[in-house]
Amino acid sequence: MKKHLIPATAIAIVASMSLAYAAAETETGVIAKIDNTAHTITLKSGKVKEFWLDKAVSLGTLKVGDKVLVTYEMTNKKPMASAVVAAQ
């Protein structure tokens, strides 16, 4: 039961974030690159995609090679990430 509680909670949080941002989308992939100067991350998810991180987004302990779920929306034709969390 406990094994299912954490993923279910994570899904509920991401789902509620999606409701808060009507235009928000998600992408799951592996972090291929972190650019602290440009404040971007690059994911490999079948295709390589770069995300600009909102100033409020902190990667914490996430590093290159970690699988993550990125919540983002298109802003000025750029995918702007509002959340980056570890994915299972």
Protein backbone atom coordinates (compact mmCIF):
# COMPACT_ATOMS: atom_id res chain seq x y z
CA MET A 1 0.00 0.00 0.00
CA LYS A 2 2.77 2.44 0.93
CA LYS A 3 4.52 1.75 -2.39
CA HIS A 4 1.52 3.16 -4.22
CA LEU A 5 0.94 6.13 -1.95
CA ILE A 6 4.01 8.16 -2.94
CA PRO A 7 3.53 7.86 -6.74
CA ALA A 8 -0.20 8.55 -6.33
CA THR A 9 0.58 11.67 -4.31
CA ALA A 10 3.10 12.85 -6.92
CA ILE A 11 0.55 12.34 -9.69
CA ALA A 12 -2.07 14.28 -7.71
CA ILE A 13 0.35 17.19 -7.21
CA VAL A 14 1.28 17.31 -10.90
CA ALA A 15 -2.39 17.04 -11.89
CA SER A 16 -3.34 19.92 -9.61
CA MET A 17 -0.48 22.00 -11.03
CA SER A 18 -1.82 21.30 -14.51
CA LEU A 19 -5.22 22.58 -13.46
CA ALA A 20 -3.69 25.74 -12.06
CA TYR A 21 -1.91 26.39 -15.35
CA ALA A 22 -4.55 25.72 -17.99
CA ALA A 23 -1.96 25.83 -20.80
CA ALA A 24 0.64 23.79 -18.89
CA GLU A 25 2.12 20.69 -20.46
CA THR A 26 4.44 18.01 -19.12
CA GLU A 27 7.44 16.20 -20.51
CA THR A 28 9.28 13.25 -18.99
CA GLY A 29 12.89 12.54 -19.85
CA VAL A 30 16.46 12.23 -18.66
CA ILE A 31 18.47 15.36 -17.90
CA ALA A 32 21.21 15.55 -20.56
CA LYS A 33 22.57 18.99 -19.64
CA ILE A 34 22.19 21.65 -16.95
CA ASP A 35 23.27 25.20 -17.82
CA ASN A 36 23.32 27.27 -14.62
CA THR A 37 24.38 30.42 -16.49
CA ALA A 38 21.47 30.36 -18.94
CA HIS A 39 19.18 28.78 -16.29
CA THR A 40 18.16 25.96 -18.64
CA ILE A 41 18.03 22.19 -18.67
CA THR A 42 18.12 19.90 -21.67
CA LEU A 43 16.16 16.64 -21.65
CA LYS A 44 16.46 13.53 -23.77
CA SER A 45 13.03 12.01 -24.25
CA GLY A 46 13.27 10.46 -27.68
CA LYS A 47 14.14 13.95 -28.87
CA VAL A 48 16.37 16.56 -27.26
CA LYS A 49 14.43 19.47 -25.78
CA GLU A 50 15.67 22.52 -23.89
CA PHE A 51 13.63 24.14 -21.11
CA TRP A 52 14.14 27.56 -19.58
CA LEU A 53 13.66 27.45 -15.82
CA ASP A 54 11.42 29.94 -14.05
CA LYS A 55 13.36 31.88 -11.40
CA ALA A 56 11.39 30.05 -8.68
CA VAL A 57 12.47 26.61 -9.97
CA SER A 58 15.27 24.93 -8.04
CA LEU A 59 16.77 21.66 -9.21
CA GLY A 60 17.86 20.82 -5.67
CA THR A 61 19.74 17.53 -5.83
CA LEU A 62 18.74 16.68 -9.42
CA LYS A 63 21.68 16.10 -11.74
CA VAL A 64 22.56 15.00 -15.28
CA GLY A 65 21.29 11.46 -15.82
CA ASP A 66 18.26 11.79 -13.52
CA LYS A 67 14.80 11.03 -14.92
CA VAL A 68 12.47 13.99 -14.34
CA LEU A 69 9.00 15.29 -15.05
CA VAL A 70 8.97 18.89 -16.28
CA THR A 71 5.81 21.00 -16.10
CA TYR A 72 6.01 23.88 -18.56
CA GLU A 73 4.13 26.28 -20.74
CA MET A 74 5.12 28.10 -23.89
CA THR A 75 6.14 31.71 -23.16
CA ASN A 76 7.48 33.87 -25.99
CA LYS A 77 7.88 30.68 -28.07
CA LYS A 78 10.11 29.11 -25.39
CA PRO A 79 9.17 26.20 -23.09
CA MET A 80 9.29 27.82 -19.61
CA ALA A 81 9.45 25.23 -16.81
CA SER A 82 7.41 25.97 -13.70
CA ALA A 83 8.38 22.70 -11.97
CA VAL A 84 11.00 19.97 -12.31
CA VAL A 85 10.54 16.87 -10.15
CA ALA A 86 12.11 13.42 -10.05
CA ALA A 87 10.15 10.87 -12.09
CA GLN A 88 9.84 7.14 -11.52
